Amino acid sequence: KELVDFTRIHFATEDHLMKTHHYPDHKKHRKEHRLLLEHMDALLRSVTRGKQPHFYSDYDVSSDWAIAHIIDFDHDLGEYLNSVGVH
């Protein structure tokens, strides 16, 4: 639950930066955030109900997604923000 809450705060911060600095891929980036949060919420609901997650399906989706997202989307966002003077 704490990880989901932290992720929401992190994504809200990124969303604010993207809006404030008119990031051109804002909608695409935000969609990626929404998809991961939907997956994390479903996993949290499942675990809360007592279901044992399947490590190689449920957890790997989250970790694989995060790595790919950071390498692709966050890297591009960081470069854009730096180019407009945000460091």
C-alpha atoms as a PDB file:
ATOM      1  CA  LYS A   1       0.000   0.000   0.000  1.00  0.00           C
ATOM      2  CA  GLU A   2       2.827   2.391   0.825  1.00  0.00           C
ATOM      3  CA  LEU A   3       4.437   1.720  -2.560  1.00  0.00           C
ATOM      4  CA  VAL A   4       1.153   2.458  -4.351  1.00  0.00           C
ATOM      5  CA  ASP A   5       0.700   5.660  -2.331  1.00  0.00           C
ATOM      6  CA  PHE A   6       4.275   6.759  -3.059  1.00  0.00           C
ATOM      7  CA  THR A   7       3.821   5.971  -6.747  1.00  0.00           C
ATOM      8  CA  ARG A   8       0.686   8.155  -6.861  1.00  0.00           C
ATOM      9  CA  ILE A   9       2.580  11.067  -5.298  1.00  0.00           C
ATOM     10  CA  HIS A  10       5.538  10.583  -7.643  1.00  0.00           C
ATOM     11  CA  PHE A  11       3.286  10.476 -10.707  1.00  0.00           C
ATOM     12  CA  ALA A  12       1.352  13.553  -9.533  1.00  0.00           C
ATOM     13  CA  THR A  13       4.661  15.419  -9.235  1.00  0.00           C
ATOM     14  CA  GLU A  14       5.690  14.364 -12.734  1.00  0.00           C
ATOM     15  CA  ASP A  15       2.265  15.318 -14.060  1.00  0.00           C
ATOM     16  CA  HIS A  16       2.566  18.771 -12.507  1.00  0.00           C
ATOM     17  CA  LEU A  17       5.990  19.281 -14.088  1.00  0.00           C
ATOM     18  CA  MET A  18       4.745  18.097 -17.481  1.00  0.00           C
ATOM     19  CA  LYS A  19       1.765  20.467 -17.382  1.00  0.00           C
ATOM     20  CA  THR A  20       3.715  23.424 -16.038  1.00  0.00           C
ATOM     21  CA  HIS A  21       6.444  23.114 -18.664  1.00  0.00           C
ATOM     22  CA  HIS A  22       4.162  22.100 -21.568  1.00  0.00           C
ATOM     23  CA  TYR A  23       5.760  18.720 -22.155  1.00  0.00           C
ATOM     24  CA  PRO A  24       4.794  17.630 -25.702  1.00  0.00           C
ATOM     25  CA  ASP A  25       4.280  13.926 -24.788  1.00  0.00           C
ATOM     26  CA  HIS A  26       2.291  14.694 -21.640  1.00  0.00           C
ATOM     27  CA  LYS A  27      -0.812  12.672 -22.637  1.00  0.00           C
ATOM     28  CA  LYS A  28       1.189   9.602 -23.665  1.00  0.00           C
ATOM     29  CA  HIS A  29       3.324   9.729 -20.495  1.00  0.00           C
ATOM     30  CA  ARG A  30       0.276  10.209 -18.286  1.00  0.00           C
ATOM     31  CA  LYS A  31      -1.447   7.226 -19.941  1.00  0.00           C
ATOM     32  CA  GLU A  32       1.528   5.043 -18.976  1.00  0.00           C
ATOM     33  CA  HIS A  33       1.159   6.199 -15.367  1.00  0.00           C
ATOM     34  CA  ARG A  34      -2.550   5.404 -15.413  1.00  0.00           C
ATOM     35  CA  LEU A  35      -1.939   1.892 -16.745  1.00  0.00           C
ATOM     36  CA  LEU A  36       0.613   1.069 -14.064  1.00  0.00           C
ATOM     37  CA  LEU A  37      -1.587   2.465 -11.285  1.00  0.00           C
ATOM     38  CA  GLU A  38      -4.488   0.347 -12.537  1.00  0.00           C
ATOM     39  CA  HIS A  39      -2.252  -2.727 -12.418  1.00  0.00           C
ATOM     40  CA  MET A  40      -0.934  -1.849  -8.951  1.00  0.00           C
ATOM     41  CA  ASP A  41      -4.446  -1.161  -7.621  1.00  0.00           C
ATOM     42  CA  ALA A  42      -5.671  -4.520  -8.933  1.00  0.00           C
ATOM     43  CA  LEU A  43      -2.692  -6.290  -7.370  1.00  0.00           C
ATOM     44  CA  LEU A  44      -3.263  -4.503  -4.043  1.00  0.00           C
ATOM     45  CA  ARG A  45      -6.975  -5.410  -4.058  1.00  0.00           C
ATOM     46  CA  SER A  46      -6.088  -9.007  -4.797  1.00  0.00           C
ATOM     47  CA  VAL A  47      -3.525  -9.232  -1.995  1.00  0.00           C
ATOM     48  CA  THR A  48      -5.882  -7.452   0.420  1.00  0.00           C
ATOM     49  CA  ARG A  49      -8.485 -10.153  -0.289  1.00  0.00           C
ATOM     50  CA  GLY A  50      -5.948 -12.818   0.606  1.00  0.00           C
ATOM     51  CA  LYS A  51      -4.954 -13.945  -2.860  1.00  0.00           C
ATOM     52  CA  GLN A  52      -1.339 -15.008  -3.207  1.00  0.00           C
ATOM     53  CA  PRO A  53       0.189 -13.154  -6.174  1.00  0.00           C
ATOM     54  CA  HIS A  54       2.140 -15.150  -8.723  1.00  0.00           C
ATOM     55  CA  PHE A  55       5.642 -13.754  -8.462  1.00  0.00           C
ATOM     56  CA  TYR A  56       6.599 -14.133 -12.097  1.00  0.00           C
ATOM     57  CA  SER A  57       3.381 -12.658 -13.427  1.00  0.00           C
ATOM     58  CA  ASP A  58       2.062 -10.068 -10.981  1.00  0.00           C
ATOM     59  CA  TYR A  59       5.292  -8.694  -9.538  1.00  0.00           C
ATOM     60  CA  ASP A  60       7.349  -8.895 -12.710  1.00  0.00           C
ATOM     61  CA  VAL A  61       4.818  -6.833 -14.648  1.00  0.00           C
ATOM     62  CA  SER A  62       5.308  -3.996 -12.161  1.00  0.00           C
ATOM     63  CA  SER A  63       9.096  -4.180 -12.015  1.00  0.00           C
ATOM     64  CA  ASP A  64       9.550  -4.704 -15.770  1.00  0.00           C
ATOM     65  CA  TRP A  65       7.192  -1.844 -16.471  1.00  0.00           C
ATOM     66  CA  ALA A  66       9.030   0.459 -14.071  1.00  0.00           C
ATOM     67  CA  ILE A  67      12.418  -0.262 -15.631  1.00  0.00           C
ATOM     68  CA  ALA A  68      11.134   0.250 -19.176  1.00  0.00           C
ATOM     69  CA  HIS A  69       9.268   3.398 -18.162  1.00  0.00           C
ATOM     70  CA  ILE A  70      12.308   4.946 -16.500  1.00  0.00           C
ATOM     71  CA  ILE A  71      14.596   4.117 -19.418  1.00  0.00           C
ATOM     72  CA  ASP A  72      12.200   5.427 -22.064  1.00  0.00           C
ATOM     73  CA  PHE A  73       9.607   7.849 -20.775  1.00  0.00           C
ATOM     74  CA  ASP A  74      11.357   9.351 -17.743  1.00  0.00           C
ATOM     75  CA  HIS A  75      14.641   9.752 -19.590  1.00  0.00           C
ATOM     76  CA  ASP A  76      12.900  11.732 -22.337  1.00  0.00           C
ATOM     77  CA  LEU A  77      10.984  13.790 -19.784  1.00  0.00           C
ATOM     78  CA  GLY A  78      14.195  14.554 -17.892  1.00  0.00           C
ATOM     79  CA  GLU A  79      15.948  15.697 -21.041  1.00  0.00           C
ATOM     80  CA  TYR A  80      13.008  17.901 -21.970  1.00  0.00           C
ATOM     81  CA  LEU A  81      12.784  19.462 -18.505  1.00  0.00           C
ATOM     82  CA  ASN A  82      16.530  20.127 -18.505  1.00  0.00           C
ATOM     83  CA  SER A  83      16.228  21.763 -21.931  1.00  0.00           C
ATOM     84  CA  VAL A  84      13.685  24.239 -20.528  1.00  0.00           C
ATOM     85  CA  GLY A  85      15.822  25.039 -17.494  1.00  0.00           C
ATOM     86  CA  VAL A  86      14.426  22.625 -14.915  1.00  0.00           C
ATOM     87  CA  HIS A  87      17.234  20.841 -13.080  1.00  0.00           C
END
